[in-house]
């Protein structure tokens, strides 16, 4: 009986460890994905032009993930200041060549957050996410 209890305890402990590690390493899917029908260089130039023309918008390069075999993902943090809101977005982009269109870039919005009002996050279910997506599309996507 004592061995059975020890075995059950060991299984529960290992299961809890696996659950914990899986939760830490889980990756949320993007909130929304956009197809930009230009190159990565054109995307970078477009972001630079938007930031120059709008003093309330800035961006900073973030991490690069991936490798030469699977491709690279480039992360960017975008900051937008409004009269009563301080917004932060995280996007990643990668090259996506479709058979019918070369030099296509996929832009994925992975985080939209209103730092002033503590709204948004990494999920479509987050409070206030719809209005944050709309602002992102108006300020960034339509101006690229």
C-alpha atoms as a PDB file:
ATOM      1  CA  UNK A   1       0.000   0.000   0.000  1.00  0.00           C
ATOM      2  CA  UNK A   2       2.847   2.322   0.870  1.00  0.00           C
ATOM      3  CA  UNK A   3       4.447   1.761  -2.556  1.00  0.00           C
ATOM      4  CA  UNK A   4       1.149   2.548  -4.267  1.00  0.00           C
ATOM      5  CA  UNK A   5       0.831   5.868  -2.412  1.00  0.00           C
ATOM      6  CA  UNK A   6       4.446   6.718  -3.270  1.00  0.00           C
ATOM      7  CA  UNK A   7       3.860   5.860  -6.939  1.00  0.00           C
ATOM      8  CA  UNK A   8       0.683   7.976  -7.092  1.00  0.00           C
ATOM      9  CA  UNK A   9       2.513  10.840  -5.381  1.00  0.00           C
ATOM     10  CA  UNK A  10       5.389  10.620  -7.862  1.00  0.00           C
ATOM     11  CA  UNK A  11       2.986  10.601 -10.826  1.00  0.00           C
ATOM     12  CA  UNK A  12       1.137  13.637  -9.437  1.00  0.00           C
ATOM     13  CA  UNK A  13       4.401  15.488  -8.846  1.00  0.00           C
ATOM     14  CA  UNK A  14       5.685  14.782 -12.364  1.00  0.00           C
ATOM     15  CA  UNK A  15       2.304  15.729 -13.832  1.00  0.00           C
ATOM     16  CA  UNK A  16       2.331  19.036 -11.955  1.00  0.00           C
ATOM     17  CA  UNK A  17       5.856  19.773 -13.221  1.00  0.00           C
ATOM     18  CA  UNK A  18       4.874  19.015 -16.831  1.00  0.00           C
ATOM     19  CA  UNK A  19       1.763  21.197 -16.512  1.00  0.00           C
ATOM     20  CA  UNK A  20       3.798  24.069 -15.074  1.00  0.00           C
ATOM     21  CA  UNK A  21       6.487  23.897 -17.783  1.00  0.00           C
ATOM     22  CA  UNK A  22       3.879  23.626 -20.544  1.00  0.00           C
ATOM     23  CA  UNK A  23       2.120  26.731 -19.228  1.00  0.00           C
ATOM     24  CA  UNK A  24       5.331  28.739 -19.185  1.00  0.00           C
ATOM     25  CA  UNK A  25       6.382  27.778 -22.688  1.00  0.00           C
ATOM     26  CA  UNK A  26       2.956  28.077 -24.310  1.00  0.00           C
ATOM     27  CA  UNK A  27       2.749  30.619 -27.108  1.00  0.00           C
ATOM     28  CA  UNK A  28      -0.450  32.522 -27.717  1.00  0.00           C
ATOM     29  CA  UNK A  29      -1.608  32.835 -31.316  1.00  0.00           C
ATOM     30  CA  UNK A  30      -1.560  36.328 -32.828  1.00  0.00           C
ATOM     31  CA  UNK A  31      -4.538  38.556 -32.137  1.00  0.00           C
ATOM     32  CA  UNK A  32      -4.758  39.418 -35.821  1.00  0.00           C
ATOM     33  CA  UNK A  33      -2.638  38.836 -38.916  1.00  0.00           C
ATOM     34  CA  UNK A  34      -2.237  41.133 -41.914  1.00  0.00           C
ATOM     35  CA  UNK A  35      -0.732  40.420 -45.333  1.00  0.00           C
ATOM     36  CA  UNK A  36       1.500  43.280 -46.464  1.00  0.00           C
ATOM     37  CA  UNK A  37       2.096  42.947 -50.171  1.00  0.00           C
ATOM     38  CA  UNK A  38       5.548  44.463 -50.073  1.00  0.00           C
ATOM     39  CA  UNK A  39       8.975  43.440 -48.835  1.00  0.00           C
ATOM     40  CA  UNK A  40      10.334  43.538 -45.302  1.00  0.00           C
ATOM     41  CA  UNK A  41      12.499  46.498 -46.323  1.00  0.00           C
ATOM     42  CA  UNK A  42       9.401  48.373 -47.512  1.00  0.00           C
ATOM     43  CA  UNK A  43       7.703  47.587 -44.191  1.00  0.00           C
ATOM     44  CA  UNK A  44      10.646  48.975 -42.212  1.00  0.00           C
ATOM     45  CA  UNK A  45      10.706  52.106 -44.387  1.00  0.00           C
ATOM     46  CA  UNK A  46       6.949  52.515 -43.971  1.00  0.00           C
ATOM     47  CA  UNK A  47       7.171  52.300 -40.182  1.00  0.00           C
ATOM     48  CA  UNK A  48       9.985  54.830 -40.185  1.00  0.00           C
ATOM     49  CA  UNK A  49       7.905  57.270 -42.290  1.00  0.00           C
ATOM     50  CA  UNK A  50       4.896  56.860 -40.003  1.00  0.00           C
ATOM     51  CA  UNK A  51       7.019  57.560 -36.909  1.00  0.00           C
ATOM     52  CA  UNK A  52       8.596  60.632 -38.518  1.00  0.00           C
ATOM     53  CA  UNK A  53       5.216  62.057 -39.535  1.00  0.00           C
ATOM     54  CA  UNK A  54       3.544  61.382 -36.156  1.00  0.00           C
ATOM     55  CA  UNK A  55       5.375  62.715 -33.089  1.00  0.00           C
ATOM     56  CA  UNK A  56       3.063  60.700 -30.814  1.00  0.00           C
ATOM     57  CA  UNK A  57       4.134  57.401 -32.322  1.00  0.00           C
ATOM     58  CA  UNK A  58       7.427  55.606 -31.828  1.00  0.00           C
ATOM     59  CA  UNK A  59       8.743  52.097 -32.257  1.00  0.00           C
ATOM     60  CA  UNK A  60      11.669  50.008 -31.119  1.00  0.00           C
ATOM     61  CA  UNK A  61      13.047  46.784 -32.539  1.00  0.00           C
ATOM     62  CA  UNK A  62      12.648  43.804 -30.254  1.00  0.00           C
ATOM     63  CA  UNK A  63      13.718  40.184 -30.411  1.00  0.00           C
ATOM     64  CA  UNK A  64      14.501  38.061 -33.421  1.00  0.00           C
ATOM     65  CA  UNK A  65      13.470  34.421 -33.214  1.00  0.00           C
ATOM     66  CA  UNK A  66      13.926  31.490 -35.562  1.00  0.00           C
ATOM     67  CA  UNK A  67      16.840  30.439 -37.715  1.00  0.00           C
ATOM     68  CA  UNK A  68      17.886  30.123 -41.356  1.00  0.00           C
ATOM     69  CA  UNK A  69      16.080  26.788 -41.741  1.00  0.00           C
ATOM     70  CA  UNK A  70      12.644  27.803 -40.491  1.00  0.00           C
ATOM     71  CA  UNK A  71      12.946  31.528 -41.152  1.00  0.00           C
ATOM     72  CA  UNK A  72      13.177  34.510 -38.857  1.00  0.00           C
ATOM     73  CA  UNK A  73      10.528  36.471 -36.985  1.00  0.00           C
ATOM     74  CA  UNK A  74      11.309  40.078 -36.176  1.00  0.00           C
ATOM     75  CA  UNK A  75       9.495  41.681 -33.242  1.00  0.00           C
ATOM     76  CA  UNK A  76       8.740  45.392 -32.909  1.00  0.00           C
ATOM     77  CA  UNK A  77       7.165  47.336 -30.052  1.00  0.00           C
ATOM     78  CA  UNK A  78       5.027  50.270 -31.184  1.00  0.00           C
ATOM     79  CA  UNK A  79       4.054  53.076 -28.790  1.00  0.00           C
ATOM     80  CA  UNK A  80       1.226  55.524 -29.434  1.00  0.00           C
ATOM     81  CA  UNK A  81       0.418  58.432 -27.140  1.00  0.00           C
ATOM     82  CA  UNK A  82      -3.061  59.880 -27.247  1.00  0.00           C
ATOM     83  CA  UNK A  83      -4.528  62.712 -25.182  1.00  0.00           C
ATOM     84  CA  UNK A  84      -5.696  60.388 -22.426  1.00  0.00           C
ATOM     85  CA  UNK A  85      -4.103  57.045 -23.313  1.00  0.00           C
ATOM     86  CA  UNK A  86      -0.663  55.484 -23.533  1.00  0.00           C
ATOM     87  CA  UNK A  87      -0.844  52.519 -25.925  1.00  0.00           C
ATOM     88  CA  UNK A  88       1.651  49.770 -26.617  1.00  0.00           C
ATOM     89  CA  UNK A  89       1.570  47.180 -29.380  1.00  0.00           C
ATOM     90  CA  UNK A  90       3.835  44.256 -30.132  1.00  0.00           C
ATOM     91  CA  UNK A  91       3.998  42.894 -33.646  1.00  0.00           C
ATOM     92  CA  UNK A  92       6.170  40.414 -35.415  1.00  0.00           C
ATOM     93  CA  UNK A  93       6.738  40.150 -39.106  1.00  0.00           C
ATOM     94  CA  UNK A  94       8.247  37.563 -41.368  1.00  0.00           C
ATOM     95  CA  UNK A  95       8.688  37.022 -45.072  1.00  0.00           C
ATOM     96  CA  UNK A  96       5.870  35.041 -46.624  1.00  0.00           C
ATOM     97  CA  UNK A  97       6.200  34.269 -50.317  1.00  0.00           C
ATOM     98  CA  UNK A  98       2.985  33.123 -51.931  1.00  0.00           C
ATOM     99  CA  UNK A  99       3.215  31.353 -55.260  1.00  0.00           C
ATOM    100  CA  UNK A 100       1.314  34.206 -56.902  1.00  0.00           C
ATOM    101  CA  UNK A 101       3.078  37.074 -55.152  1.00  0.00           C
ATOM    102  CA  UNK A 102       6.729  37.257 -54.183  1.00  0.00           C
ATOM    103  CA  UNK A 103       8.074  39.689 -51.571  1.00  0.00           C
ATOM    104  CA  UNK A 104       5.054  39.480 -49.309  1.00  0.00           C
ATOM    105  CA  UNK A 105       5.392  40.154 -45.588  1.00  0.00           C
ATOM    106  CA  UNK A 106       3.069  38.851 -42.913  1.00  0.00           C
ATOM    107  CA  UNK A 107       2.454  41.188 -39.975  1.00  0.00           C
ATOM    108  CA  UNK A 108       1.058  39.626 -36.804  1.00  0.00           C
ATOM    109  CA  UNK A 109      -0.339  41.694 -33.962  1.00  0.00           C
ATOM    110  CA  UNK A 110       0.484  39.730 -30.812  1.00  0.00           C
ATOM    111  CA  UNK A 111      -0.187  42.303 -28.090  1.00  0.00           C
ATOM    112  CA  UNK A 112      -2.306  45.440 -27.799  1.00  0.00           C
ATOM    113  CA  UNK A 113      -2.268  47.173 -24.439  1.00  0.00           C
ATOM    114  CA  UNK A 114      -3.630  50.431 -23.033  1.00  0.00           C
ATOM    115  CA  UNK A 115      -1.128  51.133 -20.260  1.00  0.00           C
ATOM    116  CA  UNK A 116      -3.158  54.035 -18.862  1.00  0.00           C
ATOM    117  CA  UNK A 117      -6.413  52.148 -18.376  1.00  0.00           C
ATOM    118  CA  UNK A 118      -4.983  48.619 -18.022  1.00  0.00           C
ATOM    119  CA  UNK A 119      -6.963  47.261 -20.994  1.00  0.00           C
ATOM    120  CA  UNK A 120      -6.073  44.772 -23.710  1.00  0.00           C
ATOM    121  CA  UNK A 121      -3.436  42.102 -23.723  1.00  0.00           C
ATOM    122  CA  UNK A 122      -2.516  39.063 -25.797  1.00  0.00           C
ATOM    123  CA  UNK A 123      -5.971  37.686 -26.577  1.00  0.00           C
ATOM    124  CA  UNK A 124      -9.061  38.596 -28.575  1.00  0.00           C
ATOM    125  CA  UNK A 125     -10.989  37.988 -25.344  1.00  0.00           C
ATOM    126  CA  UNK A 126      -9.156  40.751 -23.435  1.00  0.00           C
ATOM    127  CA  UNK A 127     -11.199  43.747 -22.266  1.00  0.00           C
ATOM    128  CA  UNK A 128     -10.992  46.679 -24.670  1.00  0.00           C
ATOM    129  CA  UNK A 129      -9.099  44.765 -27.363  1.00  0.00           C
ATOM    130  CA  UNK A 130     -11.478  45.708 -30.206  1.00  0.00           C
ATOM    131  CA  UNK A 131     -10.898  49.450 -29.831  1.00  0.00           C
ATOM    132  CA  UNK A 132      -7.140  48.879 -29.509  1.00  0.00           C
ATOM    133  CA  UNK A 133      -7.092  46.867 -32.745  1.00  0.00           C
ATOM    134  CA  UNK A 134      -9.051  49.620 -34.493  1.00  0.00           C
ATOM    135  CA  UNK A 135      -6.515  52.258 -33.387  1.00  0.00           C
ATOM    136  CA  UNK A 136      -3.620  50.049 -34.531  1.00  0.00           C
ATOM    137  CA  UNK A 137      -5.199  49.589 -37.939  1.00  0.00           C
ATOM    138  CA  UNK A 138      -5.921  53.314 -38.312  1.00  0.00           C
ATOM    139  CA  UNK A 139      -2.482  54.459 -37.182  1.00  0.00           C
ATOM    140  CA  UNK A 140      -0.283  51.743 -38.673  1.00  0.00           C
ATOM    141  CA  UNK A 141      -1.881  49.382 -41.168  1.00  0.00           C
ATOM    142  CA  UNK A 142      -3.724  51.994 -43.260  1.00  0.00           C
ATOM    143  CA  UNK A 143      -0.616  54.215 -43.382  1.00  0.00           C
ATOM    144  CA  UNK A 144       1.826  51.573 -44.600  1.00  0.00           C
END
